[in-house]
Amino acid sequence: QEEASATWMKSFTNMASNLRFRISGLERAQTHIKSSMSSLQEDTSSINSMMTEMYNAFRGQSSSSPSISVTPTFALTDTPANVNGENATCNATKEPLSHTEGEIDVNI
């Protein structure tokens, strides 16, 4: 019976130690989550403040200057297109580059 009691006590001690280890891990995780939540709340508050400032600035600008409006700007470029409307490639041949005096072509 002493042997069974000793085995039971050893098993209980191992379980208690394992449980303490797991509880400690949970407490650390809980602390980390609380810290992250606090940081998230601060970030959300900052974003809310910035959005409010931008909204008020835009609202103030549009109400104080109704004649000013935002106009989209388009840039037109001279790009040749083929029949299908796709960009055409230039088929012109280029003359080989000439070397200045004193340069040597290493590929010759």
C-alpha atoms as a PDB file:
ATOM      1  CA  GLN A   1       0.000   0.000   0.000  1.00  0.00           C
ATOM      2  CA  GLU A   2       2.919   2.369   0.666  1.00  0.00           C
ATOM      3  CA  GLU A   3       4.156   1.731  -2.858  1.00  0.00           C
ATOM      4  CA  ALA A   4       0.733   2.569  -4.329  1.00  0.00           C
ATOM      5  CA  SER A   5       0.567   5.694  -2.184  1.00  0.00           C
ATOM      6  CA  ALA A   6       4.045   6.760  -3.305  1.00  0.00           C
ATOM      7  CA  THR A   7       3.094   6.158  -6.966  1.00  0.00           C
ATOM      8  CA  TRP A   8      -0.107   8.145  -6.518  1.00  0.00           C
ATOM      9  CA  MET A   9       1.788  11.000  -4.830  1.00  0.00           C
ATOM     10  CA  LYS A  10       4.388  11.081  -7.638  1.00  0.00           C
ATOM     11  CA  SER A  11       1.621  11.130 -10.261  1.00  0.00           C
ATOM     12  CA  PHE A  12      -0.207  13.892  -8.387  1.00  0.00           C
ATOM     13  CA  THR A  13       3.005  15.946  -8.104  1.00  0.00           C
ATOM     14  CA  ASN A  14       3.671  15.572 -11.852  1.00  0.00           C
ATOM     15  CA  MET A  15       0.103  16.581 -12.704  1.00  0.00           C
ATOM     16  CA  ALA A  16       0.260  19.587 -10.366  1.00  0.00           C
ATOM     17  CA  SER A  17       3.571  20.681 -11.874  1.00  0.00           C
ATOM     18  CA  ASN A  18       2.185  20.278 -15.399  1.00  0.00           C
ATOM     19  CA  LEU A  19      -0.936  22.220 -14.427  1.00  0.00           C
ATOM     20  CA  ARG A  20       1.137  25.059 -12.909  1.00  0.00           C
ATOM     21  CA  PHE A  21       3.213  25.221 -16.094  1.00  0.00           C
ATOM     22  CA  ARG A  22       0.081  25.408 -18.281  1.00  0.00           C
ATOM     23  CA  ILE A  23      -1.584  28.019 -16.050  1.00  0.00           C
ATOM     24  CA  SER A  24       1.577  30.105 -16.162  1.00  0.00           C
ATOM     25  CA  GLY A  25       1.540  29.916 -19.971  1.00  0.00           C
ATOM     26  CA  LEU A  26      -2.119  30.952 -20.035  1.00  0.00           C
ATOM     27  CA  GLU A  27      -1.398  33.906 -17.741  1.00  0.00           C
ATOM     28  CA  ARG A  28       1.433  35.054 -20.029  1.00  0.00           C
ATOM     29  CA  ALA A  29      -0.847  34.728 -23.058  1.00  0.00           C
ATOM     30  CA  GLN A  30      -3.591  36.656 -21.270  1.00  0.00           C
ATOM     31  CA  THR A  31      -1.150  39.457 -20.393  1.00  0.00           C
ATOM     32  CA  HIS A  32       0.034  39.605 -24.009  1.00  0.00           C
ATOM     33  CA  ILE A  33      -3.558  39.731 -25.287  1.00  0.00           C
ATOM     34  CA  LYS A  34      -4.444  42.525 -22.851  1.00  0.00           C
ATOM     35  CA  SER A  35      -1.387  44.494 -23.975  1.00  0.00           C
ATOM     36  CA  SER A  36      -2.254  43.944 -27.635  1.00  0.00           C
ATOM     37  CA  MET A  37      -5.856  45.010 -27.038  1.00  0.00           C
ATOM     38  CA  SER A  38      -4.685  48.177 -25.294  1.00  0.00           C
ATOM     39  CA  SER A  39      -2.350  48.965 -28.199  1.00  0.00           C
ATOM     40  CA  LEU A  40      -5.145  48.261 -30.686  1.00  0.00           C
ATOM     41  CA  GLN A  41      -7.476  50.607 -28.797  1.00  0.00           C
ATOM     42  CA  GLU A  42      -4.832  53.353 -28.888  1.00  0.00           C
ATOM     43  CA  ASP A  43      -4.263  52.806 -32.624  1.00  0.00           C
ATOM     44  CA  THR A  44      -8.004  52.840 -33.303  1.00  0.00           C
ATOM     45  CA  SER A  45      -8.388  56.046 -31.321  1.00  0.00           C
ATOM     46  CA  SER A  46      -5.526  57.666 -33.273  1.00  0.00           C
ATOM     47  CA  ILE A  47      -7.017  56.590 -36.601  1.00  0.00           C
ATOM     48  CA  ASN A  48     -10.419  57.898 -35.516  1.00  0.00           C
ATOM     49  CA  SER A  49      -8.858  61.265 -34.611  1.00  0.00           C
ATOM     50  CA  MET A  50      -7.010  61.496 -37.939  1.00  0.00           C
ATOM     51  CA  MET A  51     -10.136  60.602 -39.917  1.00  0.00           C
ATOM     52  CA  THR A  52     -12.163  63.190 -37.977  1.00  0.00           C
ATOM     53  CA  GLU A  53      -9.522  65.860 -38.669  1.00  0.00           C
ATOM     54  CA  MET A  54      -9.446  64.988 -42.377  1.00  0.00           C
ATOM     55  CA  TYR A  55     -13.245  64.992 -42.595  1.00  0.00           C
ATOM     56  CA  ASN A  56     -13.500  68.346 -40.813  1.00  0.00           C
ATOM     57  CA  ALA A  57     -10.755  69.839 -43.000  1.00  0.00           C
ATOM     58  CA  PHE A  58     -12.485  68.644 -46.163  1.00  0.00           C
ATOM     59  CA  ARG A  59     -15.905  69.738 -44.945  1.00  0.00           C
ATOM     60  CA  GLY A  60     -14.529  73.131 -43.910  1.00  0.00           C
ATOM     61  CA  GLN A  61     -12.769  73.576 -47.241  1.00  0.00           C
ATOM     62  CA  SER A  62     -15.813  72.638 -49.311  1.00  0.00           C
ATOM     63  CA  SER A  63     -18.215  74.795 -47.295  1.00  0.00           C
ATOM     64  CA  SER A  64     -15.956  77.870 -47.209  1.00  0.00           C
ATOM     65  CA  SER A  65     -15.028  77.721 -50.912  1.00  0.00           C
ATOM     66  CA  PRO A  66     -17.961  76.319 -52.877  1.00  0.00           C
ATOM     67  CA  SER A  67     -16.478  77.548 -56.177  1.00  0.00           C
ATOM     68  CA  ILE A  68     -13.392  75.348 -55.801  1.00  0.00           C
ATOM     69  CA  SER A  69     -13.853  71.799 -57.008  1.00  0.00           C
ATOM     70  CA  VAL A  70     -11.589  68.875 -57.690  1.00  0.00           C
ATOM     71  CA  THR A  71     -11.105  68.243 -61.400  1.00  0.00           C
ATOM     72  CA  PRO A  72      -9.595  65.006 -62.678  1.00  0.00           C
ATOM     73  CA  THR A  73      -6.650  65.501 -65.024  1.00  0.00           C
ATOM     74  CA  PHE A  74      -5.955  63.198 -67.946  1.00  0.00           C
ATOM     75  CA  ALA A  75      -2.596  62.943 -69.689  1.00  0.00           C
ATOM     76  CA  LEU A  76      -2.745  62.254 -73.414  1.00  0.00           C
ATOM     77  CA  THR A  77       0.248  60.555 -74.954  1.00  0.00           C
ATOM     78  CA  ASP A  78       1.145  59.975 -78.579  1.00  0.00           C
ATOM     79  CA  THR A  79       1.293  56.177 -78.665  1.00  0.00           C
ATOM     80  CA  PRO A  80       0.819  54.460 -82.032  1.00  0.00           C
ATOM     81  CA  ALA A  81      -1.903  51.797 -81.971  1.00  0.00           C
ATOM     82  CA  ASN A  82      -2.650  48.958 -84.362  1.00  0.00           C
ATOM     83  CA  VAL A  83      -6.094  48.030 -85.766  1.00  0.00           C
ATOM     84  CA  ASN A  84      -7.077  46.208 -82.556  1.00  0.00           C
ATOM     85  CA  GLY A  85      -6.279  49.261 -80.442  1.00  0.00           C
ATOM     86  CA  GLU A  86      -3.202  47.675 -78.930  1.00  0.00           C
ATOM     87  CA  ASN A  87       0.084  49.544 -78.646  1.00  0.00           C
ATOM     88  CA  ALA A  88       2.025  49.087 -81.857  1.00  0.00           C
ATOM     89  CA  THR A  89       5.668  48.214 -81.683  1.00  0.00           C
ATOM     90  CA  CYS A  90       8.112  50.388 -83.526  1.00  0.00           C
ATOM     91  CA  ASN A  91       9.635  48.495 -86.455  1.00  0.00           C
ATOM     92  CA  ALA A  92      12.202  51.150 -87.313  1.00  0.00           C
ATOM     93  CA  THR A  93      15.767  49.946 -87.354  1.00  0.00           C
ATOM     94  CA  LYS A  94      18.340  51.717 -85.296  1.00  0.00           C
ATOM     95  CA  GLU A  95      21.801  52.414 -86.530  1.00  0.00           C
ATOM     96  CA  PRO A  96      24.576  50.845 -84.478  1.00  0.00           C
ATOM     97  CA  LEU A  97      26.064  53.068 -81.839  1.00  0.00           C
ATOM     98  CA  SER A  98      29.246  54.796 -82.912  1.00  0.00           C
ATOM     99  CA  HIS A  99      32.252  54.860 -80.659  1.00  0.00           C
ATOM    100  CA  THR A 100      33.994  58.015 -79.692  1.00  0.00           C
ATOM    101  CA  GLU A 101      37.650  58.335 -80.463  1.00  0.00           C
ATOM    102  CA  GLY A 102      39.811  56.283 -78.135  1.00  0.00           C
ATOM    103  CA  GLU A 103      37.135  53.751 -77.113  1.00  0.00           C
ATOM    104  CA  ILE A 104      37.699  50.100 -77.874  1.00  0.00           C
ATOM    105  CA  ASP A 105      34.943  47.556 -78.613  1.00  0.00           C
ATOM    106  CA  VAL A 106      35.790  44.527 -76.460  1.00  0.00           C
ATOM    107  CA  ASN A 107      33.499  42.277 -78.539  1.00  0.00           C
ATOM    108  CA  ILE A 108      35.628  42.609 -81.709  1.00  0.00           C
END
